[in-house]
Amino acid sequence: MRLERPYFHCAACGVGQAPADAVWGLDHGMLTPGLARVAARDGLEAPFGYGASLLEEHLGVHVDEEVVRRVTEQLGHLADADQAVAAPVP
């Protein structure tokens, strides 16, 4: 399926936006929250390149190896921060 969305940019400064991205929950136009969770899980269980190939094989979605690495690390940092807040201070 091919999805197209409007994209607008300021001719003066070059900054652009796709308003539908926020409505659809896309992280700066990269991955939906659900796909980010699947990519991170694949990135945790296998090398990032293999995780990317699993996404393409199982879901038919091409995600670059670097994106799998980045989303896996981002979710790892969030998990670390969550555990630090929940951990009692001695």
C-alpha atoms as a PDB file:
ATOM      1  CA  MET A   1       0.000   0.000   0.000  1.00  0.00           C
ATOM      2  CA  ARG A   2       1.299   3.432  -0.858  1.00  0.00           C
ATOM      3  CA  LEU A   3       0.277   6.308   1.349  1.00  0.00           C
ATOM      4  CA  GLU A   4       0.773   9.915   0.351  1.00  0.00           C
ATOM      5  CA  ARG A   5       0.369  12.888   2.647  1.00  0.00           C
ATOM      6  CA  PRO A   6       0.608  16.647   2.158  1.00  0.00           C
ATOM      7  CA  TYR A   7       3.930  18.250   3.042  1.00  0.00           C
ATOM      8  CA  PHE A   8       4.391  21.978   3.456  1.00  0.00           C
ATOM      9  CA  HIS A   9       7.562  24.037   3.766  1.00  0.00           C
ATOM     10  CA  CYS A  10       8.455  27.647   4.330  1.00  0.00           C
ATOM     11  CA  ALA A  11      10.154  29.096   1.248  1.00  0.00           C
ATOM     12  CA  ALA A  12      12.057  31.601   3.406  1.00  0.00           C
ATOM     13  CA  CYS A  13      13.606  29.255   6.010  1.00  0.00           C
ATOM     14  CA  GLY A  14      13.116  25.823   4.426  1.00  0.00           C
ATOM     15  CA  VAL A  15      11.470  24.307   7.512  1.00  0.00           C
ATOM     16  CA  GLY A  16       8.839  21.776   6.556  1.00  0.00           C
ATOM     17  CA  GLN A  17       6.071  19.771   8.109  1.00  0.00           C
ATOM     18  CA  ALA A  18       3.564  17.078   7.292  1.00  0.00           C
ATOM     19  CA  PRO A  19       0.552  17.747   9.558  1.00  0.00           C
ATOM     20  CA  ALA A  20      -0.820  14.224   9.108  1.00  0.00           C
ATOM     21  CA  ASP A  21       2.309  12.761  10.751  1.00  0.00           C
ATOM     22  CA  ALA A  22       1.262  14.062  14.172  1.00  0.00           C
ATOM     23  CA  VAL A  23      -2.277  12.741  13.716  1.00  0.00           C
ATOM     24  CA  TRP A  24      -0.974   9.302  12.704  1.00  0.00           C
ATOM     25  CA  GLY A  25       1.545   9.135  15.566  1.00  0.00           C
ATOM     26  CA  LEU A  26       4.652   9.146  13.407  1.00  0.00           C
ATOM     27  CA  ASP A  27       7.907  10.021  15.150  1.00  0.00           C
ATOM     28  CA  HIS A  28       9.256  12.774  12.899  1.00  0.00           C
ATOM     29  CA  GLY A  29       8.023  10.827   9.880  1.00  0.00           C
ATOM     30  CA  MET A  30       9.874   7.625  10.802  1.00  0.00           C
ATOM     31  CA  LEU A  31       7.891   4.881  12.539  1.00  0.00           C
ATOM     32  CA  THR A  32       4.490   4.533  14.129  1.00  0.00           C
ATOM     33  CA  PRO A  33       4.617   3.717  17.861  1.00  0.00           C
ATOM     34  CA  GLY A  34       3.587   0.112  17.165  1.00  0.00           C
ATOM     35  CA  LEU A  35       6.218  -0.425  14.488  1.00  0.00           C
ATOM     36  CA  ALA A  36       8.831   1.204  16.749  1.00  0.00           C
ATOM     37  CA  ARG A  37       8.042  -1.361  19.474  1.00  0.00           C
ATOM     38  CA  VAL A  38       8.385  -4.257  17.018  1.00  0.00           C
ATOM     39  CA  ALA A  39      11.630  -2.827  15.597  1.00  0.00           C
ATOM     40  CA  ALA A  40      13.058  -2.384  19.104  1.00  0.00           C
ATOM     41  CA  ARG A  41      12.116  -5.937  20.079  1.00  0.00           C
ATOM     42  CA  ASP A  42      13.799  -7.283  16.936  1.00  0.00           C
ATOM     43  CA  GLY A  43      16.798  -5.047  17.660  1.00  0.00           C
ATOM     44  CA  LEU A  44      17.077  -6.464  21.173  1.00  0.00           C
ATOM     45  CA  GLU A  45      16.940 -10.078  20.055  1.00  0.00           C
ATOM     46  CA  ALA A  46      19.238  -9.967  17.022  1.00  0.00           C
ATOM     47  CA  PRO A  47      21.820  -7.759  15.319  1.00  0.00           C
ATOM     48  CA  PHE A  48      20.199  -4.576  13.992  1.00  0.00           C
ATOM     49  CA  GLY A  49      20.606  -5.582  10.338  1.00  0.00           C
ATOM     50  CA  TYR A  50      18.943  -8.917  10.967  1.00  0.00           C
ATOM     51  CA  GLY A  51      16.156  -7.162  12.896  1.00  0.00           C
ATOM     52  CA  ALA A  52      15.568  -4.919   9.884  1.00  0.00           C
ATOM     53  CA  SER A  53      15.383  -7.936   7.585  1.00  0.00           C
ATOM     54  CA  LEU A  54      12.852  -9.596   9.918  1.00  0.00           C
ATOM     55  CA  LEU A  55      10.601  -6.533   9.693  1.00  0.00           C
ATOM     56  CA  GLU A  56      10.710  -6.705   5.914  1.00  0.00           C
ATOM     57  CA  GLU A  57      10.173 -10.456   5.805  1.00  0.00           C
ATOM     58  CA  HIS A  58       7.336 -10.624   8.341  1.00  0.00           C
ATOM     59  CA  LEU A  59       5.589  -7.281   7.855  1.00  0.00           C
ATOM     60  CA  GLY A  60       6.631  -6.246   4.359  1.00  0.00           C
ATOM     61  CA  VAL A  61       8.016  -2.983   5.763  1.00  0.00           C
ATOM     62  CA  HIS A  62      11.502  -1.801   4.834  1.00  0.00           C
ATOM     63  CA  VAL A  63      13.235  -0.222   7.827  1.00  0.00           C
ATOM     64  CA  ASP A  64      16.891   0.726   7.609  1.00  0.00           C
ATOM     65  CA  GLU A  65      19.318  -1.009   9.969  1.00  0.00           C
ATOM     66  CA  GLU A  66      20.298   2.378  11.429  1.00  0.00           C
ATOM     67  CA  VAL A  67      16.646   3.143  12.260  1.00  0.00           C
ATOM     68  CA  VAL A  68      16.349  -0.205  14.083  1.00  0.00           C
ATOM     69  CA  ARG A  69      19.504   0.650  16.052  1.00  0.00           C
ATOM     70  CA  ARG A  70      18.285   4.137  16.913  1.00  0.00           C
ATOM     71  CA  VAL A  71      14.792   3.087  18.039  1.00  0.00           C
ATOM     72  CA  THR A  72      16.203   0.172  20.058  1.00  0.00           C
ATOM     73  CA  GLU A  73      18.624   2.485  21.848  1.00  0.00           C
ATOM     74  CA  GLN A  74      15.915   5.124  22.439  1.00  0.00           C
ATOM     75  CA  LEU A  75      13.603   2.605  24.044  1.00  0.00           C
ATOM     76  CA  GLY A  76      16.516   1.239  26.071  1.00  0.00           C
ATOM     77  CA  HIS A  77      17.226   4.729  27.448  1.00  0.00           C
ATOM     78  CA  LEU A  78      13.536   5.136  28.317  1.00  0.00           C
ATOM     79  CA  ALA A  79      13.534   1.778  30.130  1.00  0.00           C
ATOM     80  CA  ASP A  80      16.693   2.745  32.060  1.00  0.00           C
ATOM     81  CA  ALA A  81      15.155   6.067  33.104  1.00  0.00           C
ATOM     82  CA  ASP A  82      11.919   4.364  34.148  1.00  0.00           C
ATOM     83  CA  GLN A  83      13.810   1.843  36.278  1.00  0.00           C
ATOM     84  CA  ALA A  84      15.928   4.572  37.855  1.00  0.00           C
ATOM     85  CA  VAL A  85      12.791   6.448  38.938  1.00  0.00           C
ATOM     86  CA  ALA A  86      11.166   3.285  40.279  1.00  0.00           C
ATOM     87  CA  ALA A  87      14.273   2.058  42.155  1.00  0.00           C
ATOM     88  CA  PRO A  88      14.357   2.930  45.877  1.00  0.00           C
ATOM     89  CA  VAL A  89      17.265   5.118  46.923  1.00  0.00           C
ATOM     90  CA  PRO A  90      19.386   3.467  49.666  1.00  0.00           C
END
